[in-house]
Amino acid sequence: MQGTIHTKDRLVMLPVEKPIEIRSIQMHDVDVKSAAAGARVGLALKNIQSKDVERGCIISEKETVTTGFTMRCRLSQFTKQISAGDVLHLFVGLQSSPVRVEKITMNGRDISYAAPGSECVLTLSGSRKVAYSEQDRFILANLDEKQRFAGYGFCHTHEAQ
Protein backbone atom coordinates (compact mmCIF):
# COMPACT_ATOMS: atom_id res chain seq x y z
CA MET A 1 0.00 0.00 0.00
CA GLN A 2 1.36 3.34 -0.95
CA GLY A 3 0.22 6.75 -2.10
CA THR A 4 -2.86 8.90 -1.64
CA ILE A 5 -6.15 8.87 -3.53
CA HIS A 6 -8.26 11.96 -4.21
CA THR A 7 -11.80 12.46 -5.43
CA LYS A 8 -11.89 12.78 -9.24
CA ASP A 9 -8.67 10.70 -9.62
CA ARG A 10 -8.67 8.59 -12.77
CA LEU A 11 -7.02 5.26 -12.05
CA VAL A 12 -7.20 1.60 -13.12
CA MET A 13 -8.80 -1.31 -11.24
CA LEU A 14 -6.42 -4.26 -11.45
CA PRO A 15 -6.17 -7.09 -12.36
CA VAL A 16 -9.47 -6.58 -14.23
CA GLU A 17 -7.79 -3.63 -16.01
CA LYS A 18 -10.82 -1.32 -16.00
CA PRO A 19 -10.38 2.48 -15.98
CA ILE A 20 -12.23 4.05 -13.06
CA GLU A 21 -12.85 7.46 -11.52
CA ILE A 22 -13.18 8.05 -7.79
CA ARG A 23 -16.48 9.88 -7.27
CA SER A 24 -16.28 10.23 -3.49
CA ILE A 25 -14.39 9.01 -0.43
CA GLN A 26 -15.78 8.41 3.06
CA MET A 27 -13.93 7.75 6.32
CA HIS A 28 -16.08 6.81 9.33
CA ASP A 29 -19.22 8.03 7.48
CA VAL A 30 -17.66 11.45 6.82
CA ASP A 31 -16.97 12.67 3.27
CA VAL A 32 -13.31 13.52 2.67
CA LYS A 33 -11.39 14.80 -0.37
CA SER A 34 -8.43 12.39 -0.04
CA ALA A 35 -7.20 9.33 1.83
CA ALA A 36 -3.68 8.06 2.50
CA ALA A 37 -2.52 4.44 2.24
CA GLY A 38 -3.72 2.32 5.13
CA ALA A 39 -6.86 4.37 5.84
CA ARG A 40 -10.13 2.42 6.02
CA VAL A 41 -12.39 4.06 3.47
CA GLY A 42 -15.56 3.63 1.48
CA LEU A 43 -15.25 4.57 -2.18
CA ALA A 44 -17.88 5.46 -4.75
CA LEU A 45 -16.39 4.44 -8.10
CA LYS A 46 -17.45 5.41 -11.61
CA ASN A 47 -17.18 3.07 -14.67
CA ILE A 48 -17.20 -0.21 -12.71
CA GLN A 49 -19.85 -2.38 -11.08
CA SER A 50 -19.51 -4.07 -7.70
CA LYS A 51 -19.65 -7.53 -9.35
CA ASP A 52 -16.38 -6.66 -11.17
CA VAL A 53 -14.54 -5.98 -7.88
CA GLU A 54 -13.32 -8.91 -5.83
CA ARG A 55 -10.95 -9.53 -2.95
CA GLY A 56 -7.42 -8.56 -3.91
CA CYS A 57 -8.30 -5.94 -6.55
CA ILE A 58 -5.90 -3.00 -6.62
CA ILE A 59 -6.57 0.61 -7.57
CA SER A 60 -3.45 2.04 -9.16
CA GLU A 61 -1.86 4.02 -11.95
CA LYS A 62 1.02 1.62 -12.51
CA GLU A 63 1.22 -2.02 -11.52
CA THR A 64 2.43 -5.03 -13.45
CA VAL A 65 -0.38 -7.40 -14.45
CA THR A 66 0.58 -10.85 -15.70
CA THR A 67 0.07 -14.61 -15.45
CA GLY A 68 3.78 -15.45 -15.84
CA PHE A 69 6.54 -14.76 -13.34
CA THR A 70 10.25 -15.18 -12.80
CA MET A 71 10.82 -15.31 -9.05
CA ARG A 72 14.12 -15.19 -7.20
CA CYS A 73 13.16 -17.15 -4.12
CA ARG A 74 14.29 -18.86 -0.97
CA LEU A 75 12.64 -22.17 -0.18
CA SER A 76 11.68 -23.12 3.36
CA GLN A 77 13.97 -25.66 4.97
CA PHE A 78 10.84 -27.49 6.13
CA THR A 79 9.18 -27.93 2.74
CA LYS A 80 9.65 -30.86 0.39
CA GLN A 81 11.73 -30.38 -2.75
CA ILE A 82 10.20 -28.32 -5.57
CA SER A 83 10.33 -29.92 -9.02
CA ALA A 84 9.62 -28.65 -12.53
CA GLY A 85 5.96 -29.38 -13.23
CA ASP A 86 4.82 -28.96 -9.60
CA VAL A 87 1.71 -26.86 -8.98
CA LEU A 88 2.03 -24.35 -6.13
CA HIS A 89 -0.13 -21.49 -4.91
CA LEU A 90 1.25 -17.94 -5.20
CA PHE A 91 0.12 -15.17 -2.83
CA VAL A 92 0.81 -11.43 -3.10
CA GLY A 93 -1.15 -8.91 -1.04
CA LEU A 94 -4.73 -10.25 -0.94
CA GLN A 95 -4.40 -11.96 -4.32
CA SER A 96 -3.71 -15.63 -4.90
CA SER A 97 -3.33 -17.85 -7.92
CA PRO A 98 -2.31 -21.43 -8.66
CA VAL A 99 0.93 -21.56 -10.68
CA ARG A 100 2.95 -24.29 -12.37
CA VAL A 101 6.73 -24.46 -11.97
CA GLU A 102 8.00 -24.34 -15.56
CA LYS A 103 11.73 -24.04 -14.90
CA ILE A 104 14.15 -23.99 -11.96
CA THR A 105 17.50 -22.23 -12.26
CA MET A 106 20.32 -22.33 -9.71
CA ASN A 107 23.74 -20.73 -10.22
CA GLY A 108 22.88 -20.02 -13.87
CA ARG A 109 22.03 -23.65 -14.69
CA ASP A 110 18.62 -25.25 -15.23
CA ILE A 111 17.93 -28.03 -12.75
CA SER A 112 15.07 -30.53 -12.34
CA TYR A 113 14.40 -29.84 -8.64
CA ALA A 114 15.32 -27.46 -5.81
CA ALA A 115 16.08 -28.81 -2.36
CA PRO A 116 14.52 -27.47 0.86
CA GLY A 117 16.35 -24.38 2.18
CA SER A 118 17.91 -23.54 -1.20
CA GLU A 119 17.87 -20.28 -3.13
CA CYS A 120 16.87 -20.46 -6.78
CA VAL A 121 15.04 -18.73 -9.61
CA LEU A 122 11.64 -20.20 -10.46
CA THR A 123 9.84 -19.57 -13.74
CA LEU A 124 6.12 -19.84 -13.01
CA SER A 125 3.00 -19.78 -15.19
CA GLY A 126 -0.60 -19.41 -14.10
CA SER A 127 -4.03 -18.96 -15.59
CA ARG A 128 -5.19 -16.03 -13.43
CA LYS A 129 -3.88 -12.48 -13.78
CA VAL A 130 -2.10 -11.04 -10.76
CA ALA A 131 -1.26 -7.35 -10.23
CA TYR A 132 1.88 -6.39 -8.33
CA SER A 133 4.66 -3.85 -8.04
CA GLU A 134 8.43 -4.48 -7.98
CA GLN A 135 8.77 -4.26 -4.18
CA ASP A 136 5.96 -6.76 -3.40
CA ARG A 137 6.97 -9.97 -1.62
CA PHE A 138 5.45 -13.17 -2.97
CA ILE A 139 4.67 -16.23 -0.87
CA LEU A 140 4.63 -19.74 -2.35
CA ALA A 141 2.55 -22.49 -0.75
CA ASN A 142 1.96 -26.15 -1.47
CA LEU A 143 -1.66 -26.63 -0.41
CA ASP A 144 -1.38 -30.43 -0.68
CA GLU A 145 1.23 -30.71 2.10
CA LYS A 146 0.98 -30.47 5.90
CA GLN A 147 3.81 -27.90 5.82
CA ARG A 148 2.12 -25.54 3.33
CA PHE A 149 4.64 -22.69 3.32
CA ALA A 150 7.10 -23.49 0.52
CA GLY A 151 9.07 -20.26 0.16
CA TYR A 152 9.10 -16.54 -0.57
CA GLY A 153 10.65 -14.21 -3.09
CA PHE A 154 10.43 -11.22 -5.37
CA CYS A 155 9.28 -11.26 -9.00
CA HIS A 156 9.76 -9.56 -12.27
CA THR A 157 7.59 -10.20 -15.33
CA HIS A 158 8.76 -12.69 -17.93
CA GLU A 159 5.71 -12.46 -20.19
CA ALA A 160 3.17 -9.65 -20.21
CA GLN A 161 -0.36 -10.87 -20.85
C-alpha atoms as a PDB file:
ATOM      1  CA  MET A   1       0.000   0.000   0.000  1.00  0.00           C
ATOM      2  CA  GLN A   2       1.357   3.340  -0.954  1.00  0.00           C
ATOM      3  CA  GLY A   3       0.219   6.750  -2.096  1.00  0.00           C
ATOM      4  CA  THR A   4      -2.858   8.896  -1.638  1.00  0.00           C
ATOM      5  CA  ILE A   5      -6.148   8.866  -3.529  1.00  0.00           C
ATOM      6  CA  HIS A   6      -8.261  11.960  -4.209  1.00  0.00           C
ATOM      7  CA  THR A   7     -11.796  12.458  -5.433  1.00  0.00           C
ATOM      8  CA  LYS A   8     -11.894  12.779  -9.238  1.00  0.00           C
ATOM      9  CA  ASP A   9      -8.672  10.703  -9.621  1.00  0.00           C
ATOM     10  CA  ARG A  10      -8.674   8.588 -12.774  1.00  0.00           C
ATOM     11  CA  LEU A  11      -7.020   5.258 -12.054  1.00  0.00           C
ATOM     12  CA  VAL A  12      -7.204   1.605 -13.117  1.00  0.00           C
ATOM     13  CA  MET A  13      -8.800  -1.307 -11.239  1.00  0.00           C
ATOM     14  CA  LEU A  14      -6.424  -4.264 -11.447  1.00  0.00           C
ATOM     15  CA  PRO A  15      -6.172  -7.094 -12.356  1.00  0.00           C
ATOM     16  CA  VAL A  16      -9.475  -6.580 -14.234  1.00  0.00           C
ATOM     17  CA  GLU A  17      -7.788  -3.627 -16.012  1.00  0.00           C
ATOM     18  CA  LYS A  18     -10.820  -1.316 -16.004  1.00  0.00           C
ATOM     19  CA  PRO A  19     -10.376   2.475 -15.985  1.00  0.00           C
ATOM     20  CA  ILE A  20     -12.230   4.054 -13.056  1.00  0.00           C
ATOM     21  CA  GLU A  21     -12.845   7.458 -11.517  1.00  0.00           C
ATOM     22  CA  ILE A  22     -13.177   8.048  -7.793  1.00  0.00           C
ATOM     23  CA  ARG A  23     -16.477   9.881  -7.274  1.00  0.00           C
ATOM     24  CA  SER A  24     -16.282  10.230  -3.494  1.00  0.00           C
ATOM     25  CA  ILE A  25     -14.388   9.012  -0.431  1.00  0.00           C
ATOM     26  CA  GLN A  26     -15.776   8.408   3.060  1.00  0.00           C
ATOM     27  CA  MET A  27     -13.930   7.753   6.320  1.00  0.00           C
ATOM     28  CA  HIS A  28     -16.077   6.811   9.330  1.00  0.00           C
ATOM     29  CA  ASP A  29     -19.219   8.029   7.480  1.00  0.00           C
ATOM     30  CA  VAL A  30     -17.664  11.455   6.819  1.00  0.00           C
ATOM     31  CA  ASP A  31     -16.969  12.671   3.266  1.00  0.00           C
ATOM     32  CA  VAL A  32     -13.313  13.522   2.669  1.00  0.00           C
ATOM     33  CA  LYS A  33     -11.386  14.797  -0.366  1.00  0.00           C
ATOM     34  CA  SER A  34      -8.426  12.390  -0.044  1.00  0.00           C
ATOM     35  CA  ALA A  35      -7.196   9.328   1.830  1.00  0.00           C
ATOM     36  CA  ALA A  36      -3.677   8.063   2.499  1.00  0.00           C
ATOM     37  CA  ALA A  37      -2.517   4.444   2.235  1.00  0.00           C
ATOM     38  CA  GLY A  38      -3.716   2.321   5.134  1.00  0.00           C
ATOM     39  CA  ALA A  39      -6.856   4.367   5.840  1.00  0.00           C
ATOM     40  CA  ARG A  40     -10.127   2.425   6.019  1.00  0.00           C
ATOM     41  CA  VAL A  41     -12.392   4.060   3.467  1.00  0.00           C
ATOM     42  CA  GLY A  42     -15.557   3.633   1.480  1.00  0.00           C
ATOM     43  CA  LEU A  43     -15.248   4.567  -2.184  1.00  0.00           C
ATOM     44  CA  ALA A  44     -17.877   5.462  -4.753  1.00  0.00           C
ATOM     45  CA  LEU A  45     -16.387   4.445  -8.102  1.00  0.00           C
ATOM     46  CA  LYS A  46     -17.453   5.410 -11.613  1.00  0.00           C
ATOM     47  CA  ASN A  47     -17.184   3.072 -14.671  1.00  0.00           C
ATOM     48  CA  ILE A  48     -17.204  -0.208 -12.715  1.00  0.00           C
ATOM     49  CA  GLN A  49     -19.853  -2.379 -11.077  1.00  0.00           C
ATOM     50  CA  SER A  50     -19.509  -4.075  -7.704  1.00  0.00           C
ATOM     51  CA  LYS A  51     -19.649  -7.530  -9.345  1.00  0.00           C
ATOM     52  CA  ASP A  52     -16.383  -6.655 -11.165  1.00  0.00           C
ATOM     53  CA  VAL A  53     -14.543  -5.980  -7.881  1.00  0.00           C
ATOM     54  CA  GLU A  54     -13.323  -8.912  -5.832  1.00  0.00           C
ATOM     55  CA  ARG A  55     -10.955  -9.525  -2.951  1.00  0.00           C
ATOM     56  CA  GLY A  56      -7.422  -8.556  -3.911  1.00  0.00           C
ATOM     57  CA  CYS A  57      -8.302  -5.944  -6.548  1.00  0.00           C
ATOM     58  CA  ILE A  58      -5.904  -3.001  -6.621  1.00  0.00           C
ATOM     59  CA  ILE A  59      -6.575   0.611  -7.566  1.00  0.00           C
ATOM     60  CA  SER A  60      -3.445   2.044  -9.160  1.00  0.00           C
ATOM     61  CA  GLU A  61      -1.856   4.016 -11.946  1.00  0.00           C
ATOM     62  CA  LYS A  62       1.017   1.622 -12.512  1.00  0.00           C
ATOM     63  CA  GLU A  63       1.220  -2.022 -11.520  1.00  0.00           C
ATOM     64  CA  THR A  64       2.431  -5.027 -13.453  1.00  0.00           C
ATOM     65  CA  VAL A  65      -0.382  -7.405 -14.450  1.00  0.00           C
ATOM     66  CA  THR A  66       0.584 -10.848 -15.700  1.00  0.00           C
ATOM     67  CA  THR A  67       0.066 -14.606 -15.445  1.00  0.00           C
ATOM     68  CA  GLY A  68       3.779 -15.450 -15.843  1.00  0.00           C
ATOM     69  CA  PHE A  69       6.544 -14.755 -13.340  1.00  0.00           C
ATOM     70  CA  THR A  70      10.247 -15.182 -12.795  1.00  0.00           C
ATOM     71  CA  MET A  71      10.821 -15.307  -9.055  1.00  0.00           C
ATOM     72  CA  ARG A  72      14.122 -15.185  -7.198  1.00  0.00           C
ATOM     73  CA  CYS A  73      13.156 -17.150  -4.118  1.00  0.00           C
ATOM     74  CA  ARG A  74      14.294 -18.857  -0.967  1.00  0.00           C
ATOM     75  CA  LEU A  75      12.637 -22.172  -0.184  1.00  0.00           C
ATOM     76  CA  SER A  76      11.684 -23.122   3.355  1.00  0.00           C
ATOM     77  CA  GLN A  77      13.969 -25.659   4.966  1.00  0.00           C
ATOM     78  CA  PHE A  78      10.838 -27.491   6.133  1.00  0.00           C
ATOM     79  CA  THR A  79       9.177 -27.928   2.740  1.00  0.00           C
ATOM     80  CA  LYS A  80       9.648 -30.858   0.387  1.00  0.00           C
ATOM     81  CA  GLN A  81      11.728 -30.382  -2.747  1.00  0.00           C
ATOM     82  CA  ILE A  82      10.200 -28.320  -5.568  1.00  0.00           C
ATOM     83  CA  SER A  83      10.328 -29.921  -9.023  1.00  0.00           C
ATOM     84  CA  ALA A  84       9.621 -28.651 -12.526  1.00  0.00           C
ATOM     85  CA  GLY A  85       5.956 -29.382 -13.235  1.00  0.00           C
ATOM     86  CA  ASP A  86       4.819 -28.955  -9.601  1.00  0.00           C
ATOM     87  CA  VAL A  87       1.706 -26.863  -8.981  1.00  0.00           C
ATOM     88  CA  LEU A  88       2.025 -24.352  -6.127  1.00  0.00           C
ATOM     89  CA  HIS A  89      -0.127 -21.491  -4.912  1.00  0.00           C
ATOM     90  CA  LEU A  90       1.253 -17.945  -5.202  1.00  0.00           C
ATOM     91  CA  PHE A  91       0.120 -15.170  -2.827  1.00  0.00           C
ATOM     92  CA  VAL A  92       0.814 -11.426  -3.098  1.00  0.00           C
ATOM     93  CA  GLY A  93      -1.155  -8.913  -1.042  1.00  0.00           C
ATOM     94  CA  LEU A  94      -4.727 -10.246  -0.935  1.00  0.00           C
ATOM     95  CA  GLN A  95      -4.397 -11.959  -4.320  1.00  0.00           C
ATOM     96  CA  SER A  96      -3.708 -15.626  -4.898  1.00  0.00           C
ATOM     97  CA  SER A  97      -3.330 -17.853  -7.916  1.00  0.00           C
ATOM     98  CA  PRO A  98      -2.311 -21.431  -8.665  1.00  0.00           C
ATOM     99  CA  VAL A  99       0.930 -21.561 -10.681  1.00  0.00           C
ATOM    100  CA  ARG A 100       2.954 -24.289 -12.371  1.00  0.00           C
ATOM    101  CA  VAL A 101       6.735 -24.458 -11.969  1.00  0.00           C
ATOM    102  CA  GLU A 102       7.995 -24.342 -15.562  1.00  0.00           C
ATOM    103  CA  LYS A 103      11.730 -24.044 -14.905  1.00  0.00           C
ATOM    104  CA  ILE A 104      14.145 -23.994 -11.964  1.00  0.00           C
ATOM    105  CA  THR A 105      17.503 -22.227 -12.260  1.00  0.00           C
ATOM    106  CA  MET A 106      20.325 -22.334  -9.712  1.00  0.00           C
ATOM    107  CA  ASN A 107      23.739 -20.730 -10.220  1.00  0.00           C
ATOM    108  CA  GLY A 108      22.876 -20.021 -13.869  1.00  0.00           C
ATOM    109  CA  ARG A 109      22.033 -23.652 -14.689  1.00  0.00           C
ATOM    110  CA  ASP A 110      18.622 -25.248 -15.230  1.00  0.00           C
ATOM    111  CA  ILE A 111      17.934 -28.033 -12.745  1.00  0.00           C
ATOM    112  CA  SER A 112      15.072 -30.527 -12.344  1.00  0.00           C
ATOM    113  CA  TYR A 113      14.404 -29.838  -8.643  1.00  0.00           C
ATOM    114  CA  ALA A 114      15.321 -27.458  -5.813  1.00  0.00           C
ATOM    115  CA  ALA A 115      16.079 -28.815  -2.357  1.00  0.00           C
ATOM    116  CA  PRO A 116      14.523 -27.471   0.857  1.00  0.00           C
ATOM    117  CA  GLY A 117      16.353 -24.384   2.175  1.00  0.00           C
ATOM    118  CA  SER A 118      17.908 -23.538  -1.199  1.00  0.00           C
ATOM    119  CA  GLU A 119      17.870 -20.276  -3.133  1.00  0.00           C
ATOM    120  CA  CYS A 120      16.870 -20.462  -6.779  1.00  0.00           C
ATOM    121  CA  VAL A 121      15.037 -18.731  -9.610  1.00  0.00           C
ATOM    122  CA  LEU A 122      11.638 -20.195 -10.465  1.00  0.00           C
ATOM    123  CA  THR A 123       9.840 -19.566 -13.744  1.00  0.00           C
ATOM    124  CA  LEU A 124       6.116 -19.839 -13.014  1.00  0.00           C
ATOM    125  CA  SER A 125       2.999 -19.776 -15.186  1.00  0.00           C
ATOM    126  CA  GLY A 126      -0.597 -19.412 -14.097  1.00  0.00           C
ATOM    127  CA  SER A 127      -4.034 -18.956 -15.586  1.00  0.00           C
ATOM    128  CA  ARG A 128      -5.188 -16.032 -13.428  1.00  0.00           C
ATOM    129  CA  LYS A 129      -3.878 -12.483 -13.782  1.00  0.00           C
ATOM    130  CA  VAL A 130      -2.098 -11.040 -10.760  1.00  0.00           C
ATOM    131  CA  ALA A 131      -1.260  -7.354 -10.233  1.00  0.00           C
ATOM    132  CA  TYR A 132       1.877  -6.390  -8.325  1.00  0.00           C
ATOM    133  CA  SER A 133       4.663  -3.848  -8.044  1.00  0.00           C
ATOM    134  CA  GLU A 134       8.431  -4.483  -7.983  1.00  0.00           C
ATOM    135  CA  GLN A 135       8.766  -4.264  -4.180  1.00  0.00           C
ATOM    136  CA  ASP A 136       5.955  -6.757  -3.401  1.00  0.00           C
ATOM    137  CA  ARG A 137       6.968  -9.971  -1.621  1.00  0.00           C
ATOM    138  CA  PHE A 138       5.451 -13.170  -2.974  1.00  0.00           C
ATOM    139  CA  ILE A 139       4.671 -16.231  -0.873  1.00  0.00           C
ATOM    140  CA  LEU A 140       4.631 -19.741  -2.350  1.00  0.00           C
ATOM    141  CA  ALA A 141       2.546 -22.489  -0.754  1.00  0.00           C
ATOM    142  CA  ASN A 142       1.959 -26.148  -1.473  1.00  0.00           C
ATOM    143  CA  LEU A 143      -1.665 -26.633  -0.409  1.00  0.00           C
ATOM    144  CA  ASP A 144      -1.382 -30.430  -0.683  1.00  0.00           C
ATOM    145  CA  GLU A 145       1.225 -30.708   2.101  1.00  0.00           C
ATOM    146  CA  LYS A 146       0.985 -30.467   5.898  1.00  0.00           C
ATOM    147  CA  GLN A 147       3.806 -27.898   5.825  1.00  0.00           C
ATOM    148  CA  ARG A 148       2.123 -25.545   3.330  1.00  0.00           C
ATOM    149  CA  PHE A 149       4.645 -22.688   3.316  1.00  0.00           C
ATOM    150  CA  ALA A 150       7.099 -23.493   0.525  1.00  0.00           C
ATOM    151  CA  GLY A 151       9.067 -20.256   0.163  1.00  0.00           C
ATOM    152  CA  TYR A 152       9.098 -16.540  -0.572  1.00  0.00           C
ATOM    153  CA  GLY A 153      10.654 -14.209  -3.087  1.00  0.00           C
ATOM    154  CA  PHE A 154      10.427 -11.218  -5.373  1.00  0.00           C
ATOM    155  CA  CYS A 155       9.281 -11.262  -8.997  1.00  0.00           C
ATOM    156  CA  HIS A 156       9.763  -9.558 -12.275  1.00  0.00           C
ATOM    157  CA  THR A 157       7.591 -10.201 -15.327  1.00  0.00           C
ATOM    158  CA  HIS A 158       8.760 -12.685 -17.925  1.00  0.00           C
ATOM    159  CA  GLU A 159       5.710 -12.459 -20.187  1.00  0.00           C
ATOM    160  CA  ALA A 160       3.172  -9.652 -20.214  1.00  0.00           C
ATOM    161  CA  GLN A 161      -0.364 -10.870 -20.851  1.00  0.00           C
END
